[in-house]
């Protein structure tokens, strides 16, 4: 969660072994896609360098973390009943983000083209797949994301 907070994200909820985070919905941010991407890549690094190094020293198998990212308009607010309400986001773009998570296997950060273009407009990424989504006439494309460093 620290990686999410470091990049001005908000942890929305935990669902099973998933964490849902939101960037740019509560506070205005000119580049929420970049913040989300950097948080995702920091999470990958923390798992590899921190947790998996510890597990290896203990003779245990490493874990893998797949992260999916998508950008788009959502309905944000408090949902529920007067007895139990919580802040969250809903909508088609939340569903697409969930599909990106499904595509993020084996320690990958998988993002949609909308997210990558907004975060890194001058780079090219490797397509990992596409899915036809209910209610959309065009497929949604998913791409592998990697950390960009000034050294190349």
C-alpha atoms as a PDB file:
ATOM      1  CA  UNK A   1       0.000   0.000   0.000  1.00  0.00           C
ATOM      2  CA  UNK A   2       2.920   2.350   0.600  1.00  0.00           C
ATOM      3  CA  UNK A   3       3.692   2.349  -3.125  1.00  0.00           C
ATOM      4  CA  UNK A   4       0.143   3.507  -3.865  1.00  0.00           C
ATOM      5  CA  UNK A   5       0.294   6.270  -1.247  1.00  0.00           C
ATOM      6  CA  UNK A   6       3.762   7.379  -2.411  1.00  0.00           C
ATOM      7  CA  UNK A   7       2.267   8.201  -5.831  1.00  0.00           C
ATOM      8  CA  UNK A   8      -0.854   9.979  -4.475  1.00  0.00           C
ATOM      9  CA  UNK A   9      -3.192   7.040  -4.961  1.00  0.00           C
ATOM     10  CA  UNK A  10      -6.000   5.897  -2.714  1.00  0.00           C
ATOM     11  CA  UNK A  11      -6.575   2.266  -1.752  1.00  0.00           C
ATOM     12  CA  UNK A  12     -10.216   1.628  -2.588  1.00  0.00           C
ATOM     13  CA  UNK A  13     -10.611  -1.936  -1.369  1.00  0.00           C
ATOM     14  CA  UNK A  14      -9.207  -5.413  -1.011  1.00  0.00           C
ATOM     15  CA  UNK A  15     -11.036  -8.219  -2.825  1.00  0.00           C
ATOM     16  CA  UNK A  16      -9.527 -11.603  -2.079  1.00  0.00           C
ATOM     17  CA  UNK A  17      -5.864 -11.289  -3.015  1.00  0.00           C
ATOM     18  CA  UNK A  18      -6.499  -8.143  -5.080  1.00  0.00           C
ATOM     19  CA  UNK A  19      -5.996  -4.521  -4.152  1.00  0.00           C
ATOM     20  CA  UNK A  20      -7.968  -1.851  -6.009  1.00  0.00           C
ATOM     21  CA  UNK A  21      -6.409   1.618  -6.055  1.00  0.00           C
ATOM     22  CA  UNK A  22      -7.642   4.871  -7.552  1.00  0.00           C
ATOM     23  CA  UNK A  23      -5.535   7.717  -8.931  1.00  0.00           C
ATOM     24  CA  UNK A  24      -6.890  11.175  -9.734  1.00  0.00           C
ATOM     25  CA  UNK A  25     -10.489  10.687  -8.578  1.00  0.00           C
ATOM     26  CA  UNK A  26     -10.323  12.322  -5.159  1.00  0.00           C
ATOM     27  CA  UNK A  27      -7.655  14.965  -5.786  1.00  0.00           C
ATOM     28  CA  UNK A  28      -7.068  16.630  -9.129  1.00  0.00           C
ATOM     29  CA  UNK A  29      -3.919  15.274 -10.742  1.00  0.00           C
ATOM     30  CA  UNK A  30      -2.720  16.277 -14.231  1.00  0.00           C
ATOM     31  CA  UNK A  31      -1.099  12.848 -14.769  1.00  0.00           C
ATOM     32  CA  UNK A  32      -2.966  10.154 -12.795  1.00  0.00           C
ATOM     33  CA  UNK A  33      -1.955   7.528 -15.381  1.00  0.00           C
ATOM     34  CA  UNK A  34       1.719   8.225 -14.767  1.00  0.00           C
ATOM     35  CA  UNK A  35       1.212   8.035 -10.989  1.00  0.00           C
ATOM     36  CA  UNK A  36      -0.622   4.709 -11.334  1.00  0.00           C
ATOM     37  CA  UNK A  37       2.058   3.301 -13.637  1.00  0.00           C
ATOM     38  CA  UNK A  38       4.882   4.333 -11.315  1.00  0.00           C
ATOM     39  CA  UNK A  39       3.044   2.856  -8.315  1.00  0.00           C
ATOM     40  CA  UNK A  40       2.534  -0.423 -10.190  1.00  0.00           C
ATOM     41  CA  UNK A  41       6.190  -0.632 -11.183  1.00  0.00           C
ATOM     42  CA  UNK A  42       7.258   0.227  -7.621  1.00  0.00           C
ATOM     43  CA  UNK A  43       5.045  -2.591  -6.311  1.00  0.00           C
ATOM     44  CA  UNK A  44       6.716  -5.030  -8.717  1.00  0.00           C
ATOM     45  CA  UNK A  45      10.141  -3.857  -7.581  1.00  0.00           C
ATOM     46  CA  UNK A  46       9.212  -4.098  -3.889  1.00  0.00           C
ATOM     47  CA  UNK A  47       7.990  -7.658  -4.352  1.00  0.00           C
ATOM     48  CA  UNK A  48      11.105  -8.700  -6.296  1.00  0.00           C
ATOM     49  CA  UNK A  49      13.731  -6.960  -4.182  1.00  0.00           C
ATOM     50  CA  UNK A  50      12.045  -7.132  -0.787  1.00  0.00           C
ATOM     51  CA  UNK A  51       9.588  -9.963  -0.337  1.00  0.00           C
ATOM     52  CA  UNK A  52      10.985 -12.463  -2.836  1.00  0.00           C
ATOM     53  CA  UNK A  53      14.562 -11.938  -1.651  1.00  0.00           C
ATOM     54  CA  UNK A  54      13.354 -12.697   1.886  1.00  0.00           C
ATOM     55  CA  UNK A  55      11.455 -15.797   0.724  1.00  0.00           C
ATOM     56  CA  UNK A  56      14.508 -17.042  -1.185  1.00  0.00           C
ATOM     57  CA  UNK A  57      16.707 -16.696   1.930  1.00  0.00           C
ATOM     58  CA  UNK A  58      14.148 -18.818   3.791  1.00  0.00           C
ATOM     59  CA  UNK A  59      14.186 -21.455   1.026  1.00  0.00           C
ATOM     60  CA  UNK A  60      10.613 -20.634  -0.025  1.00  0.00           C
ATOM     61  CA  UNK A  61       9.202 -20.126  -3.502  1.00  0.00           C
ATOM     62  CA  UNK A  62       8.813 -16.560  -4.732  1.00  0.00           C
ATOM     63  CA  UNK A  63       5.409 -15.030  -5.336  1.00  0.00           C
ATOM     64  CA  UNK A  64       4.239 -13.315  -8.484  1.00  0.00           C
ATOM     65  CA  UNK A  65       2.130 -10.187  -8.681  1.00  0.00           C
ATOM     66  CA  UNK A  66       0.178  -9.177 -11.753  1.00  0.00           C
ATOM     67  CA  UNK A  67      -1.072  -5.607 -11.997  1.00  0.00           C
ATOM     68  CA  UNK A  68      -3.656  -4.264 -14.438  1.00  0.00           C
ATOM     69  CA  UNK A  69      -4.185  -0.595 -15.271  1.00  0.00           C
ATOM     70  CA  UNK A  70      -6.831   1.272 -17.245  1.00  0.00           C
ATOM     71  CA  UNK A  71      -7.763   4.915 -17.671  1.00  0.00           C
ATOM     72  CA  UNK A  72     -11.192   6.401 -18.113  1.00  0.00           C
ATOM     73  CA  UNK A  73     -14.141   8.182 -16.629  1.00  0.00           C
ATOM     74  CA  UNK A  74     -15.863   6.468 -13.710  1.00  0.00           C
ATOM     75  CA  UNK A  75     -18.691   7.197 -11.346  1.00  0.00           C
ATOM     76  CA  UNK A  76     -16.979   8.057  -8.049  1.00  0.00           C
ATOM     77  CA  UNK A  77     -18.692   8.566  -4.737  1.00  0.00           C
ATOM     78  CA  UNK A  78     -20.235   6.925  -1.720  1.00  0.00           C
ATOM     79  CA  UNK A  79     -22.206   3.781  -2.536  1.00  0.00           C
ATOM     80  CA  UNK A  80     -24.337   1.555  -0.373  1.00  0.00           C
ATOM     81  CA  UNK A  81     -27.187   2.102   2.017  1.00  0.00           C
ATOM     82  CA  UNK A  82     -27.669   4.298   5.074  1.00  0.00           C
ATOM     83  CA  UNK A  83     -26.507   1.298   7.153  1.00  0.00           C
ATOM     84  CA  UNK A  84     -23.216   0.810   5.272  1.00  0.00           C
ATOM     85  CA  UNK A  85     -21.648   3.165   2.767  1.00  0.00           C
ATOM     86  CA  UNK A  86     -18.190   3.292   1.244  1.00  0.00           C
ATOM     87  CA  UNK A  87     -16.326   5.444  -1.230  1.00  0.00           C
ATOM     88  CA  UNK A  88     -15.605   3.621  -4.466  1.00  0.00           C
ATOM     89  CA  UNK A  89     -15.721   3.866  -8.242  1.00  0.00           C
ATOM     90  CA  UNK A  90     -18.037   2.088 -10.661  1.00  0.00           C
ATOM     91  CA  UNK A  91     -18.566   1.834 -14.377  1.00  0.00           C
ATOM     92  CA  UNK A  92     -17.389   0.274 -17.599  1.00  0.00           C
ATOM     93  CA  UNK A  93     -13.828   1.499 -17.103  1.00  0.00           C
ATOM     94  CA  UNK A  94     -13.594  -0.313 -13.759  1.00  0.00           C
ATOM     95  CA  UNK A  95     -14.586  -3.520 -15.585  1.00  0.00           C
ATOM     96  CA  UNK A  96     -11.862  -2.949 -18.186  1.00  0.00           C
ATOM     97  CA  UNK A  97      -9.289  -2.395 -15.421  1.00  0.00           C
ATOM     98  CA  UNK A  98     -10.346  -5.736 -13.953  1.00  0.00           C
ATOM     99  CA  UNK A  99      -9.793  -7.418 -17.341  1.00  0.00           C
ATOM    100  CA  UNK A 100      -6.329  -5.842 -17.487  1.00  0.00           C
ATOM    101  CA  UNK A 101      -5.638  -7.537 -14.132  1.00  0.00           C
ATOM    102  CA  UNK A 102      -6.747 -10.850 -15.638  1.00  0.00           C
ATOM    103  CA  UNK A 103      -4.201 -10.346 -18.454  1.00  0.00           C
ATOM    104  CA  UNK A 104      -1.358  -9.489 -16.041  1.00  0.00           C
ATOM    105  CA  UNK A 105       0.183 -12.880 -15.441  1.00  0.00           C
ATOM    106  CA  UNK A 106       3.665 -13.824 -14.230  1.00  0.00           C
ATOM    107  CA  UNK A 107       4.840 -10.593 -12.635  1.00  0.00           C
ATOM    108  CA  UNK A 108       3.631  -8.314 -15.406  1.00  0.00           C
ATOM    109  CA  UNK A 109       2.146  -4.860 -15.344  1.00  0.00           C
ATOM    110  CA  UNK A 110      -0.519  -4.935 -18.024  1.00  0.00           C
ATOM    111  CA  UNK A 111      -2.107  -1.680 -19.141  1.00  0.00           C
ATOM    112  CA  UNK A 112      -4.538  -0.587 -21.795  1.00  0.00           C
ATOM    113  CA  UNK A 113      -3.432   1.669 -24.625  1.00  0.00           C
ATOM    114  CA  UNK A 114      -5.310   4.645 -23.141  1.00  0.00           C
ATOM    115  CA  UNK A 115      -3.262   4.400 -19.971  1.00  0.00           C
ATOM    116  CA  UNK A 116       0.090   3.965 -21.668  1.00  0.00           C
ATOM    117  CA  UNK A 117      -0.464   6.796 -24.131  1.00  0.00           C
ATOM    118  CA  UNK A 118      -1.426   9.160 -21.315  1.00  0.00           C
ATOM    119  CA  UNK A 119       1.513   8.097 -19.108  1.00  0.00           C
ATOM    120  CA  UNK A 120       4.205   7.784 -21.784  1.00  0.00           C
ATOM    121  CA  UNK A 121       3.032   9.345 -25.079  1.00  0.00           C
ATOM    122  CA  UNK A 122       6.365   8.917 -26.896  1.00  0.00           C
ATOM    123  CA  UNK A 123       6.991   5.222 -26.287  1.00  0.00           C
ATOM    124  CA  UNK A 124       6.030   1.989 -28.024  1.00  0.00           C
ATOM    125  CA  UNK A 125       4.868  -1.066 -26.070  1.00  0.00           C
ATOM    126  CA  UNK A 126       4.435  -4.765 -26.810  1.00  0.00           C
ATOM    127  CA  UNK A 127       0.839  -5.900 -27.306  1.00  0.00           C
ATOM    128  CA  UNK A 128      -0.012  -8.898 -25.141  1.00  0.00           C
ATOM    129  CA  UNK A 129      -3.573  -9.392 -26.311  1.00  0.00           C
ATOM    130  CA  UNK A 130      -6.954  -7.944 -26.979  1.00  0.00           C
ATOM    131  CA  UNK A 131     -10.467  -8.712 -25.803  1.00  0.00           C
ATOM    132  CA  UNK A 132     -13.880  -7.922 -27.154  1.00  0.00           C
ATOM    133  CA  UNK A 133     -15.824  -6.405 -24.304  1.00  0.00           C
ATOM    134  CA  UNK A 134     -19.587  -6.420 -23.934  1.00  0.00           C
ATOM    135  CA  UNK A 135     -21.072  -3.091 -24.985  1.00  0.00           C
ATOM    136  CA  UNK A 136     -18.041  -2.054 -27.089  1.00  0.00           C
ATOM    137  CA  UNK A 137     -17.683  -2.331 -30.847  1.00  0.00           C
ATOM    138  CA  UNK A 138     -13.867  -2.316 -30.849  1.00  0.00           C
ATOM    139  CA  UNK A 139     -11.570  -4.629 -28.892  1.00  0.00           C
ATOM    140  CA  UNK A 140      -9.590  -3.384 -25.910  1.00  0.00           C
ATOM    141  CA  UNK A 141      -5.832  -3.889 -26.369  1.00  0.00           C
ATOM    142  CA  UNK A 142      -3.517  -4.775 -23.512  1.00  0.00           C
ATOM    143  CA  UNK A 143       0.221  -4.028 -23.376  1.00  0.00           C
ATOM    144  CA  UNK A 144       3.222  -4.940 -21.237  1.00  0.00           C
ATOM    145  CA  UNK A 145       4.595  -1.988 -19.303  1.00  0.00           C
ATOM    146  CA  UNK A 146       8.164  -1.627 -18.138  1.00  0.00           C
ATOM    147  CA  UNK A 147       9.945   1.047 -16.129  1.00  0.00           C
ATOM    148  CA  UNK A 148      11.469   3.782 -18.255  1.00  0.00           C
ATOM    149  CA  UNK A 149      14.810   5.082 -17.071  1.00  0.00           C
ATOM    150  CA  UNK A 150      16.805   8.046 -18.319  1.00  0.00           C
ATOM    151  CA  UNK A 151      19.679   5.683 -19.148  1.00  0.00           C
ATOM    152  CA  UNK A 152      17.650   3.996 -21.879  1.00  0.00           C
END
